């Protein structure tokens, strides 16, 4: 049984990539780019959490129906 689908893993990977971009941009002083990348990373991360929660609830409800 897979815990996370490939789409969810891909979305989490992109959130981490944007987080790293934001940290590197902030390190070099590009505050506008850092803020934009951090905003995208935050959005993707919370979207990942919502999708993960939905899959968790669906998995539990499907598991209860199996005799």
Protein backbone atom coordinates (compact mmCIF):
# COMPACT_ATOMS: atom_id res chain seq x y z
CA UNK A 1 0.00 0.00 0.00
CA UNK A 2 1.42 3.35 -1.01
CA UNK A 3 1.06 6.11 1.53
CA UNK A 4 1.59 9.01 -0.86
CA UNK A 5 0.74 9.17 -4.54
CA UNK A 6 3.28 10.36 -7.08
CA UNK A 7 1.42 13.66 -7.56
CA UNK A 8 1.59 14.44 -3.85
CA UNK A 9 5.29 13.57 -3.72
CA UNK A 10 5.92 15.81 -6.73
CA UNK A 11 4.04 18.70 -5.10
CA UNK A 12 6.00 18.34 -1.87
CA UNK A 13 9.26 18.22 -3.85
CA UNK A 14 8.36 21.50 -5.59
CA UNK A 15 7.51 23.10 -2.24
CA UNK A 16 10.96 22.14 -0.95
CA UNK A 17 12.61 23.46 -4.13
CA UNK A 18 10.89 26.83 -3.74
CA UNK A 19 11.86 26.90 -0.05
CA UNK A 20 15.52 26.39 -0.98
CA UNK A 21 15.27 29.09 -3.66
CA UNK A 22 13.79 31.45 -1.09
CA UNK A 23 16.56 30.74 1.41
CA UNK A 24 19.32 31.22 -1.17
CA UNK A 25 17.72 34.43 -2.49
CA UNK A 26 17.38 35.78 1.05
CA UNK A 27 21.00 34.92 1.74
CA UNK A 28 22.14 36.99 -1.25
CA UNK A 29 19.80 39.89 -0.45
CA UNK A 30 17.16 39.46 -3.15
CA UNK A 31 14.26 40.11 -0.82
CA UNK A 32 11.57 40.34 -3.51
CA UNK A 33 12.49 37.01 -5.04
CA UNK A 34 12.86 35.45 -1.60
CA UNK A 35 9.40 36.60 -0.54
CA UNK A 36 7.80 35.33 -3.74
CA UNK A 37 9.52 31.93 -3.55
CA UNK A 38 8.67 31.59 0.14
CA UNK A 39 5.03 32.40 -0.63
CA UNK A 40 4.90 29.75 -3.34
CA UNK A 41 6.58 27.21 -1.06
CA UNK A 42 4.10 27.93 1.71
CA UNK A 43 1.13 27.62 -0.65
CA UNK A 44 2.35 24.30 -2.06
CA UNK A 45 3.12 22.94 1.40
CA UNK A 46 -0.34 23.70 2.75
CA UNK A 47 -1.92 22.34 -0.42
CA UNK A 48 0.11 19.16 0.15
CA UNK A 49 -1.19 18.92 3.72
CA UNK A 50 -4.80 19.29 2.59
CA UNK A 51 -4.43 16.64 -0.12
CA UNK A 52 -2.64 14.32 2.29
CA UNK A 53 -5.45 14.73 4.84
CA UNK A 54 -8.08 14.03 2.17
CA UNK A 55 -6.26 10.85 1.12
CA UNK A 56 -5.97 9.82 4.77
CA UNK A 57 -9.71 10.23 5.38
CA UNK A 58 -10.60 8.43 2.14
CA UNK A 59 -8.24 5.57 3.04
CA UNK A 60 -9.75 5.17 6.49
CA UNK A 61 -13.31 5.22 5.15
CA UNK A 62 -12.45 2.71 2.39
CA UNK A 63 -10.74 0.46 4.94
CA UNK A 64 -13.82 0.33 7.11
CA UNK A 65 -16.01 -0.85 4.20
CA UNK A 66 -13.87 -3.91 3.51
CA UNK A 67 -15.28 -6.89 5.45
